[in-house]
Amino acid sequence: MGRQRLPHTFFAHDTLTVARAVLGQRVVRLYQGERLSGRIVEVEAYLGEDDLACHARSGQTARNAAMFGPPGHAYVYLIYGMYHCLNLVTECAGTPAAILIRALEPEEGLATQQQLRQGRPLRDLTRGPGRLCQALAIDRTLNGHDLCAPDAALWLEAAPLPPDAIIAQSPRINVRGDERALTVPWRYYLQGNPWVSANRASSIQKTEETTQSKGG
């Protein structure tokens, strides 16, 4: 298993390019001295003030300030007053763009992940943005966290790239905004992976899962 951390330069590119490239990479959380990890199998991209599904659509606020910061940092927010969502900040400082991690395939620390998820079965540990944050003990204390720092408690590691044939795209799930926000194919996922949070390829697909985000 590789241990090469992804550097700031990995995230300092066009958000759609990074969203596709991050599939298959590993999210690692150091929790009470133990590695909890999972491979990224589903993401959504959010691109600035012109994207009406994005938290930056109304400009910078206290809540979304991390999105306006440098690449390679975490943007963690709370939805429904109870579920956290992890985003990866991309592009350059001042450009509010980020990638929502929607689902992981769990790898390390499974017993602890299950404990953090109140004993849920393996398939339900990290299938959805709120679930994966709970399984990896990710909360608002990690908002603005430098994912590339040597002493980071949360980071990304390089892992084998998935074959192009299984990378799929669709509109983002359960977002708000104009017609463009509802239809751009900025959700990327690994087709057929059982941990994808809504594992159907229809371009008009919606979901009723309560852990869904309403914008990254």
Protein backbone atom coordinates (compact mmCIF):
# COMPACT_ATOMS: atom_id res chain seq x y z
CA MET A 1 0.00 0.00 0.00
CA GLY A 2 1.45 3.33 -1.07
CA ARG A 3 2.18 6.15 1.33
CA GLN A 4 2.85 9.04 -1.07
CA ARG A 5 0.81 12.06 0.02
CA LEU A 6 -0.78 14.18 -2.68
CA PRO A 7 0.85 17.65 -2.73
CA HIS A 8 -0.71 21.09 -3.08
CA THR A 9 0.16 21.06 -6.78
CA PHE A 10 -2.23 18.12 -7.33
CA PHE A 11 -5.17 20.32 -6.29
CA ALA A 12 -3.99 23.53 -7.99
CA HIS A 13 -5.61 22.76 -11.33
CA ASP A 14 -8.96 23.12 -13.04
CA THR A 15 -11.58 21.68 -10.69
CA LEU A 16 -13.12 19.29 -13.22
CA THR A 17 -9.69 17.89 -14.03
CA VAL A 18 -8.95 17.33 -10.34
CA ALA A 19 -12.40 15.82 -9.74
CA ARG A 20 -11.72 13.12 -12.28
CA ALA A 21 -8.11 12.60 -11.18
CA VAL A 22 -9.02 12.19 -7.51
CA LEU A 23 -11.14 9.10 -8.19
CA GLY A 24 -9.37 6.04 -6.82
CA GLN A 25 -7.12 8.07 -4.51
CA ARG A 26 -7.10 7.37 -0.79
CA VAL A 27 -8.46 9.57 1.99
CA VAL A 28 -6.62 8.94 5.27
CA ARG A 29 -7.66 10.12 8.73
CA LEU A 30 -5.31 9.66 11.67
CA TYR A 31 -7.71 9.10 14.56
CA GLN A 32 -6.42 8.31 18.05
CA GLY A 33 -3.21 6.97 16.51
CA GLU A 34 -4.99 4.71 14.01
CA ARG A 35 -5.24 5.05 10.23
CA LEU A 36 -8.82 5.14 8.98
CA SER A 37 -8.97 5.21 5.21
CA GLY A 38 -11.03 4.70 2.11
CA ARG A 39 -10.61 4.93 -1.66
CA ILE A 40 -12.55 7.73 -3.38
CA VAL A 41 -15.30 6.32 -5.61
CA GLU A 42 -17.64 9.31 -6.08
CA VAL A 43 -17.23 13.09 -6.11
CA GLU A 44 -19.01 16.25 -7.23
CA ALA A 45 -17.39 19.47 -8.45
CA TYR A 46 -18.54 22.98 -7.46
CA LEU A 47 -17.15 25.91 -9.42
CA GLY A 48 -17.44 29.36 -7.95
CA GLU A 49 -19.91 32.20 -7.90
CA ASP A 50 -21.36 31.43 -11.34
CA ASP A 51 -22.34 27.93 -10.20
CA LEU A 52 -25.70 28.42 -8.49
CA ALA A 53 -25.42 25.06 -6.74
CA CYS A 54 -22.18 26.18 -5.07
CA HIS A 55 -21.91 27.68 -1.59
CA ALA A 56 -19.87 30.52 -3.12
CA ARG A 57 -22.76 31.71 -5.28
CA SER A 58 -23.40 34.68 -2.95
CA GLY A 59 -19.76 35.51 -2.30
CA GLN A 60 -17.50 34.85 0.66
CA THR A 61 -19.02 34.24 4.10
CA ALA A 62 -17.76 32.93 7.42
CA ARG A 63 -19.13 29.51 6.50
CA ASN A 64 -17.52 29.13 3.08
CA ALA A 65 -14.27 31.07 3.65
CA ALA A 66 -12.15 27.91 3.26
CA MET A 67 -13.33 27.62 -0.36
CA PHE A 68 -11.62 30.94 -1.13
CA GLY A 69 -8.33 29.79 0.36
CA PRO A 70 -5.37 27.97 -1.18
CA PRO A 71 -5.68 24.57 -2.86
CA GLY A 72 -5.13 21.36 -0.96
CA HIS A 73 -7.14 22.43 2.08
CA ALA A 74 -10.36 20.98 3.48
CA TYR A 75 -13.71 22.70 3.41
CA VAL A 76 -15.96 20.97 5.95
CA TYR A 77 -19.52 22.12 6.52
CA LEU A 78 -22.59 20.91 8.38
CA ILE A 79 -25.94 20.07 6.77
CA TYR A 80 -29.30 19.47 8.44
CA GLY A 81 -27.60 20.51 11.67
CA MET A 82 -26.08 17.05 12.07
CA TYR A 83 -24.13 15.73 9.05
CA HIS A 84 -20.66 16.90 8.03
CA CYS A 85 -19.44 16.99 4.42
CA LEU A 86 -15.81 16.95 3.27
CA ASN A 87 -14.68 19.04 0.29
CA LEU A 88 -11.25 19.44 -1.28
CA VAL A 89 -10.36 23.04 -2.18
CA THR A 90 -8.98 23.39 -5.72
CA GLU A 91 -7.50 25.92 -8.15
CA CYS A 92 -5.84 29.06 -6.71
CA ALA A 93 -6.48 31.18 -3.62
CA GLY A 94 -9.35 33.57 -4.25
CA THR A 95 -11.12 31.18 -6.64
CA PRO A 96 -13.94 29.51 -4.69
CA ALA A 97 -14.00 25.99 -6.08
CA ALA A 98 -14.06 22.63 -4.36
CA ILE A 99 -14.79 18.93 -4.79
CA LEU A 100 -17.31 17.22 -2.53
CA ILE A 101 -16.30 13.69 -1.55
CA ARG A 102 -19.55 11.76 -1.88
CA ALA A 103 -18.41 8.19 -1.23
CA LEU A 104 -15.43 6.06 -0.27
CA GLU A 105 -14.66 2.36 -0.50
CA PRO A 106 -13.48 1.65 3.09
CA GLU A 107 -10.01 0.13 3.46
CA GLU A 108 -8.27 0.57 6.82
CA GLY A 109 -9.53 0.73 10.38
CA LEU A 110 -12.80 -0.99 9.56
CA ALA A 111 -13.62 -1.95 13.15
CA THR A 112 -13.18 1.64 14.31
CA GLN A 113 -15.16 2.95 11.33
CA GLN A 114 -18.00 0.61 12.25
CA GLN A 115 -17.84 1.75 15.86
CA LEU A 116 -18.04 5.39 14.77
CA ARG A 117 -21.02 4.45 12.58
CA GLN A 118 -22.82 2.68 15.46
CA GLY A 119 -22.20 -0.80 14.09
CA ARG A 120 -23.52 -0.24 10.57
CA PRO A 121 -22.64 -2.91 7.97
CA LEU A 122 -19.57 -2.49 5.79
CA ARG A 123 -21.49 -1.35 2.70
CA ASP A 124 -23.13 1.48 4.65
CA LEU A 125 -19.97 2.83 6.33
CA THR A 126 -18.93 5.40 3.74
CA ARG A 127 -21.67 5.41 1.09
CA GLY A 128 -22.69 9.07 1.17
CA PRO A 129 -20.96 12.30 2.28
CA GLY A 130 -22.39 12.40 5.80
CA ARG A 131 -21.71 8.73 6.41
CA LEU A 132 -18.07 8.86 5.34
CA CYS A 133 -17.41 11.87 7.58
CA GLN A 134 -18.90 10.03 10.53
CA ALA A 135 -16.89 6.87 9.75
CA LEU A 136 -13.62 8.85 9.54
CA ALA A 137 -14.36 11.20 12.47
CA ILE A 138 -14.34 14.28 10.22
CA ASP A 139 -16.06 17.36 11.57
CA ARG A 140 -15.84 21.16 11.53
CA THR A 141 -12.63 21.12 13.57
CA LEU A 142 -10.97 20.09 10.27
CA ASN A 143 -12.43 22.98 8.27
CA GLY A 144 -9.54 24.82 6.61
CA HIS A 145 -7.17 21.95 7.49
CA ASP A 146 -4.06 21.74 5.28
CA LEU A 147 -4.36 18.30 3.70
CA CYS A 148 -0.75 18.41 2.52
CA ALA A 149 1.05 19.38 5.75
CA PRO A 150 3.57 16.83 7.08
CA ASP A 151 1.72 16.64 10.40
CA ALA A 152 -1.77 16.59 8.87
CA ALA A 153 -4.44 14.57 10.68
CA LEU A 154 -6.34 14.22 7.41
CA TRP A 155 -4.69 13.81 4.00
CA LEU A 156 -4.87 12.13 0.60
CA GLU A 157 -2.53 9.44 -0.66
CA ALA A 158 -1.76 8.37 -4.20
CA ALA A 159 -3.30 5.05 -5.19
CA PRO A 160 -3.64 3.16 -8.49
CA LEU A 161 -5.78 5.00 -11.02
CA PRO A 162 -9.03 3.29 -12.02
CA PRO A 163 -9.42 2.34 -15.68
CA ASP A 164 -11.06 4.98 -17.86
CA ALA A 165 -13.77 2.50 -18.85
CA ILE A 166 -15.38 2.55 -15.39
CA ILE A 167 -15.30 6.33 -14.82
CA ALA A 168 -18.79 7.76 -15.34
CA GLN A 169 -20.36 11.21 -15.17
CA SER A 170 -23.83 12.52 -14.37
CA PRO A 171 -25.52 15.67 -13.07
CA ARG A 172 -24.95 16.35 -9.40
CA ILE A 173 -27.44 14.86 -6.96
CA ASN A 174 -30.17 16.80 -5.16
CA VAL A 175 -28.72 20.26 -5.79
CA ARG A 176 -30.50 23.59 -6.08
CA GLY A 177 -30.02 26.35 -8.64
CA ASP A 178 -30.79 27.19 -12.25
CA GLU A 179 -31.08 24.78 -15.18
CA ARG A 180 -27.31 24.79 -15.69
CA ALA A 181 -26.64 23.92 -12.05
CA LEU A 182 -29.10 21.03 -12.26
CA THR A 183 -27.79 19.55 -15.50
CA VAL A 184 -24.00 20.00 -15.80
CA PRO A 185 -22.35 16.54 -15.60
CA TRP A 186 -20.07 17.40 -12.69
CA ARG A 187 -20.57 14.24 -10.69
CA TYR A 188 -17.83 11.67 -11.29
CA TYR A 189 -18.01 8.11 -10.00
CA LEU A 190 -16.74 4.58 -10.48
CA GLN A 191 -19.43 2.71 -12.34
CA GLY A 192 -20.52 -0.51 -10.65
CA ASN A 193 -18.80 0.20 -7.34
CA PRO A 194 -21.14 -0.81 -4.48
CA TRP A 195 -20.07 2.14 -2.32
CA VAL A 196 -21.25 4.78 -4.78
CA SER A 197 -23.97 6.61 -2.88
CA ALA A 198 -26.57 6.42 -5.64
CA ASN A 199 -25.44 3.65 -7.90
CA ARG A 200 -27.51 4.30 -11.04
CA ALA A 201 -26.23 5.97 -14.19
CA SER A 202 -29.38 7.85 -15.25
CA SER A 203 -28.65 11.49 -16.01
CA ILE A 204 -31.88 12.52 -14.28
CA GLN A 205 -31.20 10.46 -11.19
CA LYS A 206 -32.22 11.80 -7.80
CA THR A 207 -31.90 10.34 -4.33
CA GLU A 208 -33.76 10.53 -1.05
CA GLU A 209 -30.80 9.72 1.18
CA THR A 210 -30.73 12.14 4.08
CA THR A 211 -26.96 12.44 3.95
CA GLN A 212 -27.03 14.10 0.52
CA SER A 213 -25.52 17.57 0.20
CA LYS A 214 -27.38 20.57 -1.19
CA GLY A 215 -24.23 22.10 -2.70
CA GLY A 216 -20.47 21.97 -2.20
